[in-house]
Amino acid sequence: MNEVRHAGFWIRFVASFLDTLFLALPVAIVIYFLSDGNWFDFSQYQQNLQMAMSGNAKALTSQPQMSMKWELLFEFAVLIVTMVFWRRWRGATPGKKFVHIKIVDANTHKDIDNKQAITRSIGYIVSTLALLIGFLMVAFREDKRGLHDLLAGTVVIYDEEAVKPLLDI
């Protein structure tokens, strides 16, 4: 068996950023229009931004109103879209695919199952609520696993099959 290379913090950060652009942002745009603008008070956000740019210290005193119904629909839609990519692309989302990394079972290094995918997605919430420490763990652990990986029994590794053709160039 080939040696497994764990994906570290920065490569995973880049993949996450790309997924925000290519997955979450399009879903957010669709949800915003489906909500007829009721999901998020964009005008309040623009007003706060203008106040902040003019140096007004009270810019953040009033936050835009959000509809919990539309927020939950957005979160659920992102979860479903992400899981579809994980299943279709064997543990990768577009961002992970672009940087040649994938999520696998921590013990077998085989594709993750639906239970692991759901647990990992819920683990993102836990990693976030724990002051992002769940994500920062990746930078300090030898196996590069975050809290969400530990909860789901997963690990993010380099997809050597995807990288191999690039090495032959």
Protein backbone atom coordinates (compact mmCIF):
# COMPACT_ATOMS: atom_id res chain seq x y z
CA MET A 1 0.00 0.00 0.00
CA ASN A 2 1.24 3.49 -0.85
CA GLU A 3 2.17 5.87 1.93
CA VAL A 4 -0.72 8.13 2.87
CA ARG A 5 -0.04 11.86 2.94
CA HIS A 6 -2.34 13.82 5.25
CA ALA A 7 -3.61 17.15 3.98
CA GLY A 8 -2.63 19.99 6.28
CA PHE A 9 -4.36 23.15 7.43
CA TRP A 10 -3.55 25.54 4.56
CA ILE A 11 -4.42 23.20 1.68
CA ARG A 12 -7.69 22.41 3.43
CA PHE A 13 -8.28 26.13 3.98
CA VAL A 14 -7.83 26.77 0.24
CA ALA A 15 -10.23 23.92 -0.58
CA SER A 16 -12.78 25.33 1.87
CA PHE A 17 -12.47 28.80 0.37
CA LEU A 18 -13.03 27.39 -3.13
CA ASP A 19 -16.05 25.44 -1.89
CA THR A 20 -17.49 28.62 -0.46
CA LEU A 21 -17.19 30.22 -3.90
CA PHE A 22 -18.41 27.26 -5.95
CA LEU A 23 -20.93 25.60 -3.60
CA ALA A 24 -22.15 27.82 -0.78
CA LEU A 25 -22.33 31.10 -2.71
CA PRO A 26 -24.48 29.73 -5.56
CA VAL A 27 -26.77 28.01 -3.04
CA ALA A 28 -26.98 31.28 -1.07
CA ILE A 29 -27.96 33.23 -4.19
CA VAL A 30 -30.71 30.72 -5.02
CA ILE A 31 -32.03 30.74 -1.44
CA TYR A 32 -31.94 34.55 -1.32
CA PHE A 33 -34.07 34.81 -4.46
CA LEU A 34 -36.39 32.00 -3.35
CA SER A 35 -36.96 33.91 -0.11
CA ASP A 36 -37.84 37.01 -2.15
CA GLY A 37 -35.17 38.86 -0.18
CA ASN A 38 -36.63 37.86 3.18
CA TRP A 39 -33.75 35.61 4.24
CA PHE A 40 -31.30 38.42 4.90
CA ASP A 41 -31.87 42.18 5.15
CA PHE A 42 -29.25 43.19 2.61
CA SER A 43 -30.15 46.89 2.81
CA GLN A 44 -29.27 46.93 6.54
CA TYR A 45 -25.96 45.24 5.74
CA GLN A 46 -25.20 47.89 3.07
CA GLN A 47 -26.10 50.66 5.50
CA ASN A 48 -23.79 49.18 8.18
CA LEU A 49 -20.98 48.89 5.63
CA GLN A 50 -21.36 52.53 4.57
CA MET A 51 -21.38 53.66 8.21
CA ALA A 52 -18.27 51.62 8.96
CA MET A 53 -16.42 52.99 5.93
CA SER A 54 -17.22 56.55 7.01
CA GLY A 55 -15.69 55.83 10.42
CA ASN A 56 -18.95 55.67 12.35
CA ALA A 57 -18.30 53.62 15.50
CA LYS A 58 -21.99 52.65 15.74
CA ALA A 59 -21.90 50.76 12.45
CA LEU A 60 -22.31 47.37 14.10
CA THR A 61 -24.90 48.31 16.72
CA SER A 62 -27.78 47.09 14.56
CA GLN A 63 -27.35 43.83 12.72
CA PRO A 64 -29.32 42.78 9.63
CA GLN A 65 -32.41 40.71 10.42
CA MET A 66 -32.34 37.10 9.26
CA SER A 67 -35.12 34.60 8.77
CA MET A 68 -34.30 31.39 10.65
CA LYS A 69 -36.51 29.41 8.25
CA TRP A 70 -34.44 30.48 5.23
CA GLU A 71 -31.17 30.13 7.15
CA LEU A 72 -32.03 26.52 8.04
CA LEU A 73 -33.01 25.83 4.42
CA PHE A 74 -29.65 27.25 3.29
CA GLU A 75 -27.70 25.14 5.81
CA PHE A 76 -29.63 22.00 4.86
CA ALA A 77 -29.15 22.69 1.12
CA VAL A 78 -25.39 23.14 1.56
CA LEU A 79 -25.26 19.90 3.57
CA ILE A 80 -27.11 17.98 0.85
CA VAL A 81 -25.05 19.47 -2.00
CA THR A 82 -21.81 18.72 -0.12
CA MET A 83 -22.86 15.13 0.57
CA VAL A 84 -23.80 14.64 -3.10
CA PHE A 85 -20.30 15.74 -4.11
CA TRP A 86 -18.70 13.53 -1.44
CA ARG A 87 -20.58 10.51 -2.79
CA ARG A 88 -20.15 11.38 -6.47
CA TRP A 89 -16.48 12.38 -6.30
CA ARG A 90 -15.38 9.82 -3.68
CA GLY A 91 -14.86 12.15 -0.73
CA ALA A 92 -14.17 15.37 -2.59
CA THR A 93 -16.00 18.61 -3.17
CA PRO A 94 -15.02 20.93 -6.04
CA GLY A 95 -12.48 22.71 -3.82
CA LYS A 96 -10.93 19.46 -2.61
CA LYS A 97 -10.92 18.05 -6.14
CA PHE A 98 -9.11 21.17 -7.40
CA VAL A 99 -6.31 20.83 -4.82
CA HIS A 100 -6.23 17.00 -5.11
CA ILE A 101 -7.33 16.04 -1.61
CA LYS A 102 -10.19 13.86 -0.41
CA ILE A 103 -11.95 12.65 2.71
CA VAL A 104 -11.58 8.96 3.59
CA ASP A 105 -12.26 6.64 6.50
CA ALA A 106 -9.46 7.14 9.04
CA ASN A 107 -8.84 3.41 9.52
CA THR A 108 -9.33 1.88 6.07
CA HIS A 109 -8.59 4.89 3.84
CA LYS A 110 -11.64 3.89 1.79
CA ASP A 111 -14.60 6.06 0.79
CA ILE A 112 -16.69 7.49 3.62
CA ASP A 113 -20.25 6.30 4.15
CA ASN A 114 -23.40 8.40 4.63
CA LYS A 115 -23.20 8.17 8.43
CA GLN A 116 -19.66 9.56 8.38
CA ALA A 117 -20.69 12.30 5.94
CA ILE A 118 -23.59 13.41 8.14
CA THR A 119 -21.50 13.19 11.33
CA ARG A 120 -18.70 15.17 9.70
CA SER A 121 -21.12 17.87 8.55
CA ILE A 122 -22.60 18.19 12.03
CA GLY A 123 -19.03 18.16 13.32
CA TYR A 124 -18.38 21.34 11.30
CA ILE A 125 -20.94 23.07 13.51
CA VAL A 126 -19.23 21.75 16.65
CA SER A 127 -15.79 22.79 15.30
CA THR A 128 -17.13 26.27 14.60
CA LEU A 129 -18.93 26.74 17.92
CA ALA A 130 -15.77 25.71 19.77
CA LEU A 131 -14.21 29.05 18.72
CA LEU A 132 -12.87 27.44 15.52
CA ILE A 133 -10.53 25.29 17.62
CA GLY A 134 -11.96 22.22 15.89
CA PHE A 135 -10.49 23.49 12.62
CA LEU A 136 -7.24 24.78 14.13
CA MET A 137 -6.53 21.29 15.48
CA VAL A 138 -5.59 20.35 11.90
CA ALA A 139 -2.53 22.61 12.10
CA PHE A 140 -1.22 21.01 15.30
CA ARG A 141 -2.06 17.32 15.09
CA GLU A 142 0.37 14.94 13.41
CA ASP A 143 -2.48 13.17 11.60
CA LYS A 144 -3.95 16.57 10.55
CA ARG A 145 -7.43 15.69 11.82
CA GLY A 146 -9.87 18.31 13.02
CA LEU A 147 -12.57 17.79 15.62
CA HIS A 148 -15.08 17.03 12.86
CA ASP A 149 -12.72 14.33 11.51
CA LEU A 150 -12.34 12.77 14.94
CA LEU A 151 -16.11 12.73 15.48
CA ALA A 152 -16.75 11.13 12.07
CA GLY A 153 -13.76 8.77 11.96
CA THR A 154 -12.39 10.48 8.85
CA VAL A 155 -9.12 11.94 7.64
CA VAL A 156 -8.29 14.21 4.70
CA ILE A 157 -5.49 12.91 2.49
CA TYR A 158 -3.89 13.76 -0.80
CA ASP A 159 -5.56 11.94 -3.68
CA GLU A 160 -2.47 10.23 -5.07
CA GLU A 161 -4.44 8.87 -8.05
CA ALA A 162 -5.31 12.42 -9.10
CA VAL A 163 -1.78 13.70 -8.50
CA LYS A 164 0.01 10.81 -10.28
CA PRO A 165 -0.77 12.02 -13.85
CA LEU A 166 0.52 15.49 -12.92
CA LEU A 167 3.79 13.98 -11.69
CA ASP A 168 4.29 12.22 -15.03
CA ILE A 169 4.35 15.52 -16.96
